[in-house]
Protein backbone atom coordinates (compact mmCIF):
# COMPACT_ATOMS: atom_id res chain seq x y z
CA UNK A 1 223.96 92.97 149.60
CA UNK A 2 221.00 92.48 147.37
CA UNK A 3 217.56 94.05 147.57
CA UNK A 4 214.75 91.85 146.33
CA UNK A 5 210.99 92.33 146.10
CA UNK A 6 209.07 89.17 146.89
CA UNK A 7 205.40 88.92 145.92
CA UNK A 8 203.19 87.50 148.66
CA UNK A 9 199.64 86.19 148.34
CA UNK A 10 197.33 85.45 151.24
CA UNK A 11 198.10 88.31 153.61
CA UNK A 12 194.93 89.95 154.95
CA UNK A 13 195.79 91.85 158.10
CA UNK A 14 198.56 93.50 160.15
CA UNK A 15 199.15 90.22 161.98
CA UNK A 16 200.04 88.62 158.69
CA UNK A 17 202.54 91.42 157.99
CA UNK A 18 204.04 90.98 161.42
CA UNK A 19 204.39 87.24 160.96
CA UNK A 20 206.12 87.54 157.57
CA UNK A 21 208.37 90.29 158.88
CA UNK A 22 209.42 88.24 161.94
CA UNK A 23 210.06 85.09 159.95
CA UNK A 24 212.24 86.87 157.42
CA UNK A 25 214.19 88.82 160.05
CA UNK A 26 215.09 85.51 161.78
CA UNK A 27 217.03 84.35 158.68
CA UNK A 28 220.79 84.62 158.68
CA UNK A 29 221.98 87.15 156.16
CA UNK A 30 218.79 89.29 156.20
CA UNK A 31 219.58 92.89 157.20
CA UNK A 32 216.29 94.70 156.39
CA UNK A 33 212.65 93.73 155.77
CA UNK A 34 209.72 95.88 154.79
CA UNK A 35 206.42 94.08 154.21
CA UNK A 36 203.51 95.87 152.50
CA UNK A 37 199.98 94.56 152.94
CA UNK A 38 198.70 97.01 150.39
CA UNK A 39 201.24 96.09 147.72
CA UNK A 40 201.25 92.38 148.67
CA UNK A 41 204.97 92.19 148.81
CA UNK A 42 208.15 92.25 150.89
CA UNK A 43 211.29 94.19 150.15
CA UNK A 44 214.20 92.29 151.61
CA UNK A 45 217.87 93.30 151.87
CA UNK A 46 220.08 90.25 152.28
CA UNK A 47 223.59 88.88 151.71
CA UNK A 48 223.39 86.49 148.73
CA UNK A 49 226.42 84.60 150.07
CA UNK A 50 224.45 83.54 153.12
CA UNK A 51 220.81 83.19 152.00
CA UNK A 52 219.02 82.93 148.60
CA UNK A 53 215.73 84.43 147.47
CA UNK A 54 214.47 80.83 147.06
CA UNK A 55 215.12 80.19 150.73
CA UNK A 56 213.31 83.36 151.73
CA UNK A 57 210.30 82.29 149.58
CA UNK A 58 210.33 78.95 151.37
CA UNK A 59 210.31 80.67 154.74
CA UNK A 60 207.25 82.67 153.75
CA UNK A 61 205.50 79.62 152.35
CA UNK A 62 206.33 77.61 155.49
CA UNK A 63 204.17 80.01 157.53
CA UNK A 64 201.21 79.68 155.18
CA UNK A 65 201.52 82.21 152.36
CA UNK A 66 202.32 81.99 148.68
CA UNK A 67 205.45 83.78 147.61
CA UNK A 68 207.51 84.43 144.40
CA UNK A 69 210.79 86.15 143.77
């Protein structure tokens, strides 16, 4: 398992946090997600054999935010 912080730009409210959290938790291989509006990031625990950080960034960008590993 790998723990990765992903920087996220564009979140402005708790609904944004909930959207990002839900989208990441739907991904195979993701075991834990903590999204911080204040810190503008997500801390994600995932299995690198199943999903990559690049894929997680794409998931976040697909719902309308900018993200970087």
